[in-house]
PDB file of all heavy atoms in Angstrom:
ATOM      1  N   SER A   1     124.104 -14.157  11.205  1.00  0.00           N
ATOM      2  CA  SER A   1     123.694 -12.925  11.960  1.00  0.00           C
ATOM      3  C   SER A   1     124.061 -11.720  11.126  1.00  0.00           C
ATOM      4  O   SER A   1     123.698 -10.662  11.460  1.00  0.00           O
ATOM      5  CB  SER A   1     124.260 -12.975  13.359  1.00  0.00           C
ATOM      6  OG  SER A   1     125.694 -12.890  13.331  1.00  0.00           O
ATOM      7  N   ILE A   2     125.074 -11.768  10.287  1.00  0.00           N
ATOM      8  CA  ILE A   2     125.703 -10.534   9.631  1.00  0.00           C
ATOM      9  C   ILE A   2     125.245 -10.531   8.123  1.00  0.00           C
ATOM     10  O   ILE A   2     125.730  -9.659   7.403  1.00  0.00           O
ATOM     11  CB  ILE A   2     127.156 -10.444   9.782  1.00  0.00           C
ATOM     12  CG1 ILE A   2     127.776 -11.662   9.126  1.00  0.00           C
ATOM     13  CG2 ILE A   2     127.487 -10.289  11.183  1.00  0.00           C
ATOM     14  CD1 ILE A   2     129.396 -11.507   9.048  1.00  0.00           C
ATOM     15  N   ARG A   3     124.321 -11.409   7.714  1.00  0.00           N
ATOM     16  CA  ARG A   3     123.882 -11.398   6.346  1.00  0.00           C
ATOM     17  C   ARG A   3     123.078 -10.028   6.114  1.00  0.00           C
ATOM     18  O   ARG A   3     122.301  -9.741   7.040  1.00  0.00           O
ATOM     19  CB  ARG A   3     123.044 -12.575   6.019  1.00  0.00           C
ATOM     20  CG  ARG A   3     123.849 -13.903   5.848  1.00  0.00           C
ATOM     21  CD  ARG A   3     122.749 -15.068   5.503  1.00  0.00           C
ATOM     22  NE  ARG A   3     123.484 -16.261   5.544  1.00  0.00           N
ATOM     23  CZ  ARG A   3     122.896 -17.425   5.377  1.00  0.00           C
ATOM     24  NH1 ARG A   3     121.537 -17.545   5.410  1.00  0.00           N
ATOM     25  NH2 ARG A   3     123.604 -18.579   5.372  1.00  0.00           N
ATOM     26  N   PRO A   4     123.167  -9.386   5.071  1.00  0.00           N
ATOM     27  CA  PRO A   4     122.259  -8.207   4.864  1.00  0.00           C
ATOM     28  C   PRO A   4     120.834  -8.501   5.034  1.00  0.00           C
ATOM     29  O   PRO A   4     120.094  -7.651   5.594  1.00  0.00           O
ATOM     30  CB  PRO A   4     122.707  -7.788   3.370  1.00  0.00           C
ATOM     31  CG  PRO A   4     123.985  -8.433   3.069  1.00  0.00           C
ATOM     32  CD  PRO A   4     124.050  -9.649   3.937  1.00  0.00           C
ATOM     33  N   SER A   5     120.324  -9.612   4.544  1.00  0.00           N
ATOM     34  CA  SER A   5     118.886  -9.883   4.809  1.00  0.00           C
ATOM     35  C   SER A   5     118.509 -10.031   6.197  1.00  0.00           C
ATOM     36  O   SER A   5     117.373  -9.612   6.612  1.00  0.00           O
ATOM     37  CB  SER A   5     118.508 -11.190   4.010  1.00  0.00           C
ATOM     38  OG  SER A   5     119.377 -12.316   4.596  1.00  0.00           O
ATOM     39  N   THR A   6     119.503 -10.634   7.044  1.00  0.00           N
ATOM     40  CA  THR A   6     119.048 -10.735   8.464  1.00  0.00           C
ATOM     41  C   THR A   6     119.177  -9.453   9.081  1.00  0.00           C
ATOM     42  O   THR A   6     118.301  -9.056  10.017  1.00  0.00           O
ATOM     43  CB  THR A   6     120.223 -11.688   9.120  1.00  0.00           C
ATOM     44  OG1 THR A   6     120.208 -12.875   8.459  1.00  0.00           O
ATOM     45  CG2 THR A   6     119.898 -11.837  10.589  1.00  0.00           C
ATOM     46  N   LEU A   7     120.237  -8.535   8.746  1.00  0.00           N
ATOM     47  CA  LEU A   7     120.262  -7.234   9.447  1.00  0.00           C
ATOM     48  C   LEU A   7     119.178  -6.364   8.984  1.00  0.00           C
ATOM     49  O   LEU A   7     118.616  -5.538   9.822  1.00  0.00           O
ATOM     50  CB  LEU A   7     121.668  -6.660   8.999  1.00  0.00           C
ATOM     51  CG  LEU A   7     122.979  -7.344   9.482  1.00  0.00           C
ATOM     52  CD1 LEU A   7     124.178  -6.590   8.821  1.00  0.00           C
ATOM     53  CD2 LEU A   7     122.939  -7.203  10.922  1.00  0.00           C
ATOM     54  N   LYS A   8     118.584  -6.545   7.837  1.00  0.00           N
ATOM     55  CA  LYS A   8     117.471  -5.717   7.385  1.00  0.00           C
ATOM     56  C   LYS A   8     116.221  -6.037   8.144  1.00  0.00           C
ATOM     57  O   LYS A   8     115.349  -5.241   8.415  1.00  0.00           O
ATOM     58  CB  LYS A   8     117.200  -5.882   5.843  1.00  0.00           C
ATOM     59  CG  LYS A   8     116.230  -4.981   5.251  1.00  0.00           C
ATOM     60  CD  LYS A   8     116.122  -5.200   3.795  1.00  0.00           C
ATOM     61  CE  LYS A   8     114.983  -4.261   3.162  1.00  0.00           C
ATOM     62  NZ  LYS A   8     114.897  -4.521   1.733  1.00  0.00           N
ATOM     63  N   ALA A   9     116.104  -7.407   8.343  1.00  0.00           N
ATOM     64  CA  ALA A   9     114.832  -7.878   9.023  1.00  0.00           C
ATOM     65  C   ALA A   9     114.829  -7.681  10.570  1.00  0.00           C
ATOM     66  O   ALA A   9     113.855  -7.461  11.194  1.00  0.00           O
ATOM     67  CB  ALA A   9     114.700  -9.437   8.779  1.00  0.00           C
ATOM     68  N   MET A  10     116.057  -7.651  11.127  1.00  0.00           N
ATOM     69  CA  MET A  10     116.184  -7.556  12.590  1.00  0.00           C
ATOM     70  C   MET A  10     115.877  -6.076  13.056  1.00  0.00           C
ATOM     71  O   MET A  10     116.234  -5.135  12.360  1.00  0.00           O
ATOM     72  CB  MET A  10     117.621  -7.905  13.038  1.00  0.00           C
ATOM     73  CG  MET A  10     117.845  -9.367  12.994  1.00  0.00           C
ATOM     74  SD  MET A  10     116.924 -10.261  14.192  1.00  0.00           S
ATOM     75  CE  MET A  10     117.946  -9.912  15.660  1.00  0.00           C
ATOM     76  N   PRO A  11     115.154  -5.906  14.197  1.00  0.00           N
ATOM     77  CA  PRO A  11     115.036  -4.523  14.773  1.00  0.00           C
ATOM     78  C   PRO A  11     116.402  -3.900  14.946  1.00  0.00           C
ATOM     79  O   PRO A  11     117.302  -4.573  15.402  1.00  0.00           O
ATOM     80  CB  PRO A  11     114.277  -4.912  16.073  1.00  0.00           C
ATOM     81  CG  PRO A  11     113.653  -6.119  15.889  1.00  0.00           C
ATOM     82  CD  PRO A  11     114.492  -7.007  14.965  1.00  0.00           C
ATOM     83  N   VAL A  12     116.436  -2.521  14.834  1.00  0.00           N
ATOM     84  CA  VAL A  12     117.732  -1.834  15.018  1.00  0.00           C
ATOM     85  C   VAL A  12     118.318  -2.125  16.364  1.00  0.00           C
ATOM     86  O   VAL A  12     119.510  -2.226  16.659  1.00  0.00           O
ATOM     87  CB  VAL A  12     117.611  -0.348  14.754  1.00  0.00           C
ATOM     88  CG1 VAL A  12     118.877   0.387  15.100  1.00  0.00           C
ATOM     89  CG2 VAL A  12     117.209  -0.165  13.334  1.00  0.00           C
ATOM     90  N   GLY A  13     117.422  -2.224  17.508  1.00  0.00           N
ATOM     91  CA  GLY A  13     117.969  -2.350  18.823  1.00  0.00           C
ATOM     92  C   GLY A  13     118.562  -3.632  18.953  1.00  0.00           C
ATOM     93  O   GLY A  13     119.635  -3.693  19.736  1.00  0.00           O
ATOM     94  N   GLU A  14     118.166  -4.746  18.523  1.00  0.00           N
ATOM     95  CA  GLU A  14     118.728  -6.034  18.495  1.00  0.00           C
ATOM     96  C   GLU A  14     120.104  -6.015  17.863  1.00  0.00           C
ATOM     97  O   GLU A  14     121.099  -6.597  18.515  1.00  0.00           O
ATOM     98  CB  GLU A  14     117.821  -7.139  17.870  1.00  0.00           C
ATOM     99  CG  GLU A  14     116.480  -7.091  18.331  1.00  0.00           C
ATOM    100  CD  GLU A  14     116.495  -7.941  19.726  1.00  0.00           C
ATOM    101  OE1 GLU A  14     117.197  -8.881  19.900  1.00  0.00           O
ATOM    102  OE2 GLU A  14     115.601  -7.462  20.580  1.00  0.00           O
ATOM    103  N   THR A  15     120.242  -5.402  16.843  1.00  0.00           N
ATOM    104  CA  THR A  15     121.560  -5.369  16.030  1.00  0.00           C
ATOM    105  C   THR A  15     122.586  -4.509  16.948  1.00  0.00           C
ATOM    106  O   THR A  15     123.701  -4.916  16.965  1.00  0.00           O
ATOM    107  CB  THR A  15     121.419  -4.672  14.623  1.00  0.00           C
ATOM    108  OG1 THR A  15     120.439  -5.462  14.003  1.00  0.00           O
ATOM    109  CG2 THR A  15     122.667  -4.715  13.923  1.00  0.00           C
ATOM    110  N   VAL A  16     122.055  -3.368  17.476  1.00  0.00           N
ATOM    111  CA  VAL A  16     122.896  -2.591  18.155  1.00  0.00           C
ATOM    112  C   VAL A  16     123.510  -3.334  19.514  1.00  0.00           C
ATOM    113  O   VAL A  16     124.658  -3.230  19.846  1.00  0.00           O
ATOM    114  CB  VAL A  16     122.094  -1.304  18.789  1.00  0.00           C
ATOM    115  CG1 VAL A  16     122.898  -0.626  19.850  1.00  0.00           C
ATOM    116  CG2 VAL A  16     121.924  -0.346  17.658  1.00  0.00           C
ATOM    117  N   VAL A  17     122.703  -4.214  20.123  1.00  0.00           N
ATOM    118  CA  VAL A  17     123.065  -4.919  21.248  1.00  0.00           C
ATOM    119  C   VAL A  17     124.138  -5.981  20.841  1.00  0.00           C
ATOM    120  O   VAL A  17     125.078  -6.125  21.456  1.00  0.00           O
ATOM    121  CB  VAL A  17     121.820  -5.679  21.879  1.00  0.00           C
ATOM    122  CG1 VAL A  17     122.282  -6.770  22.883  1.00  0.00           C
ATOM    123  CG2 VAL A  17     120.873  -4.689  22.497  1.00  0.00           C
ATOM    124  N   MET A  18     123.833  -6.659  19.721  1.00  0.00           N
ATOM    125  CA  MET A  18     124.808  -7.609  19.231  1.00  0.00           C
ATOM    126  C   MET A  18     126.180  -6.941  18.997  1.00  0.00           C
ATOM    127  O   MET A  18     127.165  -7.534  19.439  1.00  0.00           O
ATOM    128  CB  MET A  18     124.225  -8.350  18.002  1.00  0.00           C
ATOM    129  CG  MET A  18     125.109  -9.515  17.560  1.00  0.00           C
ATOM    130  SD  MET A  18     126.236  -9.072  16.290  1.00  0.00           S
ATOM    131  CE  MET A  18     125.071  -8.841  14.910  1.00  0.00           C
ATOM    132  N   VAL A  19     126.232  -5.932  18.183  1.00  0.00           N
ATOM    133  CA  VAL A  19     127.369  -5.160  17.788  1.00  0.00           C
ATOM    134  C   VAL A  19     128.083  -4.560  19.148  1.00  0.00           C
ATOM    135  O   VAL A  19     129.381  -4.736  19.145  1.00  0.00           O
ATOM    136  CB  VAL A  19     127.123  -4.015  16.895  1.00  0.00           C
ATOM    137  CG1 VAL A  19     128.318  -3.242  16.613  1.00  0.00           C
ATOM    138  CG2 VAL A  19     126.574  -4.611  15.506  1.00  0.00           C
ATOM    139  N   ALA A  20     127.382  -4.123  19.979  1.00  0.00           N
ATOM    140  CA  ALA A  20     127.973  -3.564  21.234  1.00  0.00           C
ATOM    141  C   ALA A  20     128.632  -4.650  22.102  1.00  0.00           C
ATOM    142  O   ALA A  20     129.659  -4.529  22.625  1.00  0.00           O
ATOM    143  CB  ALA A  20     126.941  -2.857  22.001  1.00  0.00           C
ATOM    144  N   THR A  21     127.995  -5.833  22.147  1.00  0.00           N
ATOM    145  CA  THR A  21     128.537  -6.951  22.883  1.00  0.00           C
ATOM    146  C   THR A  21     129.907  -7.359  22.275  1.00  0.00           C
ATOM    147  O   THR A  21     130.883  -7.571  22.982  1.00  0.00           O
ATOM    148  CB  THR A  21     127.588  -8.100  22.850  1.00  0.00           C
ATOM    149  OG1 THR A  21     126.312  -7.810  23.543  1.00  0.00           O
ATOM    150  CG2 THR A  21     128.130  -9.245  23.673  1.00  0.00           C
ATOM    151  N   VAL A  22     129.863  -7.512  20.949  1.00  0.00           N
ATOM    152  CA  VAL A  22     131.059  -7.830  20.162  1.00  0.00           C
ATOM    153  C   VAL A  22     132.174  -6.772  20.465  1.00  0.00           C
ATOM    154  O   VAL A  22     133.417  -7.128  20.823  1.00  0.00           O
ATOM    155  CB  VAL A  22     130.861  -8.152  18.748  1.00  0.00           C
ATOM    156  CG1 VAL A  22     132.228  -8.250  18.038  1.00  0.00           C
ATOM    157  CG2 VAL A  22     129.852  -9.240  18.494  1.00  0.00           C
ATOM    158  N   ALA A  23     131.779  -5.570  20.273  1.00  0.00           N
ATOM    159  CA  ALA A  23     132.883  -4.505  20.437  1.00  0.00           C
ATOM    160  C   ALA A  23     133.512  -4.381  21.788  1.00  0.00           C
ATOM    161  O   ALA A  23     134.705  -4.315  21.947  1.00  0.00           O
ATOM    162  CB  ALA A  23     132.125  -3.125  20.078  1.00  0.00           C
ATOM    163  N   VAL A  24     132.644  -4.563  22.866  1.00  0.00           N
ATOM    164  CA  VAL A  24     133.083  -4.468  24.161  1.00  0.00           C
ATOM    165  C   VAL A  24     134.027  -5.667  24.488  1.00  0.00           C
ATOM    166  O   VAL A  24     135.163  -5.594  25.082  1.00  0.00           O
ATOM    167  CB  VAL A  24     132.003  -4.394  25.141  1.00  0.00           C
ATOM    168  CG1 VAL A  24     132.609  -4.447  26.680  1.00  0.00           C
ATOM    169  CG2 VAL A  24     131.306  -3.016  25.039  1.00  0.00           C
TER     170      VAL A  24
END
């Protein structure tokens, strides 16, 4: 989930949700 290729392909919104979940 944190590979550059995955982050590049994923929509920004999906990545924001994942990071926000981890951070909280």
